[in-house]
Protein backbone atom coordinates (compact mmCIF):
# COMPACT_ATOMS: atom_id res chain seq x y z
CA MET A 1 -69.77 53.55 79.80
CA ALA A 2 -70.51 56.40 77.47
CA GLY A 3 -68.85 59.42 77.90
CA LYS A 4 -67.05 58.06 81.45
CA SER A 5 -62.90 58.48 81.15
CA TYR A 6 -60.53 55.29 81.87
CA PRO A 7 -57.45 53.91 81.23
CA ARG A 8 -57.88 51.37 77.77
CA GLN A 9 -56.18 48.06 76.66
CA GLY A 10 -53.16 49.33 74.91
CA GLU A 11 -53.08 53.42 76.12
CA ILE A 12 -49.26 54.01 77.45
CA TRP A 13 -49.45 55.86 81.02
CA TRP A 14 -46.84 57.26 82.78
CA VAL A 15 -47.60 55.65 86.34
CA ASN A 16 -45.74 55.87 89.87
CA LEU A 17 -44.41 52.55 90.44
CA ASP A 18 -42.89 53.45 93.96
CA PRO A 19 -42.90 52.35 96.80
CA THR A 20 -41.41 49.43 95.23
CA VAL A 21 -40.04 46.32 97.74
CA GLY A 22 -36.85 43.87 96.10
CA ARG A 23 -36.45 43.44 92.66
CA GLU A 24 -39.78 45.09 91.32
CA ILE A 25 -39.07 47.52 88.32
CA SER A 26 -39.38 51.77 90.14
CA LYS A 27 -39.48 55.07 89.85
CA LYS A 28 -42.54 57.22 87.28
CA ARG A 29 -42.01 55.57 83.89
CA PRO A 30 -44.26 55.01 80.99
CA CYS A 31 -46.36 51.35 81.27
CA LEU A 32 -48.89 49.55 78.65
CA VAL A 33 -52.32 49.35 80.28
CA VAL A 34 -52.58 45.52 79.28
CA SER A 35 -56.08 45.06 81.70
CA PRO A 36 -59.45 44.19 79.18
CA ASP A 37 -61.77 47.53 78.64
CA ASP A 38 -64.88 46.17 80.92
CA MET A 39 -62.28 45.62 83.55
CA ASN A 40 -60.67 48.95 83.84
CA ALA A 41 -64.28 50.72 83.79
CA HIS A 42 -65.19 49.05 86.73
CA LEU A 43 -62.72 48.54 89.19
CA GLY A 44 -60.00 51.46 90.50
CA THR A 45 -57.54 49.29 89.28
CA VAL A 46 -55.78 48.45 86.10
CA ILE A 47 -53.08 45.73 84.73
CA ALA A 48 -49.86 47.44 83.22
CA ALA A 49 -46.37 46.32 82.29
CA PRO A 50 -44.04 49.02 83.14
CA LEU A 51 -41.82 50.15 80.11
CA THR A 52 -37.73 50.26 79.93
CA SER A 53 -34.88 51.55 78.13
CA THR A 54 -32.95 48.24 79.41
CA LEU A 55 -32.99 45.98 75.96
CA ARG A 56 -32.61 41.92 76.73
CA ASP A 57 -33.43 39.63 74.71
CA TRP A 58 -35.73 37.98 76.77
CA PRO A 59 -38.93 36.28 75.80
CA THR A 60 -40.25 38.51 78.50
CA ARG A 61 -39.57 41.96 76.41
CA ILE A 62 -41.43 42.91 73.89
CA THR A 63 -39.53 46.21 72.07
CA VAL A 64 -41.30 48.63 70.39
CA ARG A 65 -40.42 52.38 69.55
CA LEU A 66 -41.62 54.74 71.71
CA GLN A 67 -41.24 58.90 71.35
CA ARG A 68 -38.66 58.12 68.66
CA GLN A 69 -36.28 55.77 71.20
CA GLN A 70 -36.23 52.42 71.91
CA SER A 71 -38.00 50.04 74.69
CA ALA A 72 -39.21 46.86 75.77
CA ILE A 73 -42.33 46.20 77.79
CA ALA A 74 -41.15 44.16 80.90
CA LEU A 75 -43.84 41.86 80.99
CA ASP A 76 -42.26 40.11 83.48
CA GLN A 77 -42.75 43.21 85.60
CA ILE A 78 -46.53 43.13 85.65
CA ARG A 79 -48.58 44.37 88.57
CA MET A 80 -51.82 45.64 89.33
CA VAL A 81 -51.69 49.37 90.06
CA ASP A 82 -54.26 51.77 91.37
CA ARG A 83 -55.29 54.11 89.20
CA SER A 84 -54.37 56.99 91.62
CA ARG A 85 -51.11 55.91 90.28
CA LEU A 86 -51.63 56.56 86.60
CA VAL A 87 -49.56 60.24 86.01
CA LYS A 88 -50.64 61.09 82.38
CA LYS A 89 -51.67 59.33 79.33
CA MET A 90 -49.01 59.39 76.73
CA THR A 91 -49.99 57.03 73.84
CA ALA A 92 -51.47 53.82 72.59
CA ILE A 93 -50.60 51.15 70.77
CA ASP A 94 -51.41 48.07 69.58
CA PRO A 95 -51.09 45.70 72.94
CA GLU A 96 -51.68 42.05 70.48
CA PRO A 97 -48.04 41.27 70.86
CA ALA A 98 -47.74 41.93 74.23
CA LEU A 99 -51.02 40.41 75.08
CA GLU A 100 -49.87 37.11 72.64
CA VAL A 101 -47.18 36.60 74.90
CA LEU A 102 -49.19 37.11 78.42
CA ARG A 103 -51.67 34.27 77.27
CA GLU A 104 -47.97 32.00 76.18
CA MET A 105 -47.10 32.86 80.05
CA PHE A 106 -49.95 32.34 81.62
CA ALA A 107 -50.58 28.53 79.67
CA LYS A 108 -47.58 27.41 80.34
CA ALA A 109 -48.27 27.90 84.39
């Protein structure tokens, strides 16, 4: 794996989410990579959580500050995306608050 580039957990990438269906979050927007690095290194897909500037007080939305703007990680909109949808890496953040909410979400399932 040394020397190979792949999206890493905690990185925020511009992702082209279109086309979408129904109530899926759409357009090109920042997304947090939540899938683990060992998966990202070997598959052509990543699990990504879109960011939105629409702030809601929902347990599935984690507020973060990104480029001097408040945004929310929309964990209720996570999806598997092909790496070809990843346009450009923006930055990286600590993914642990989002991962903790995901663990709670799926523990209840």
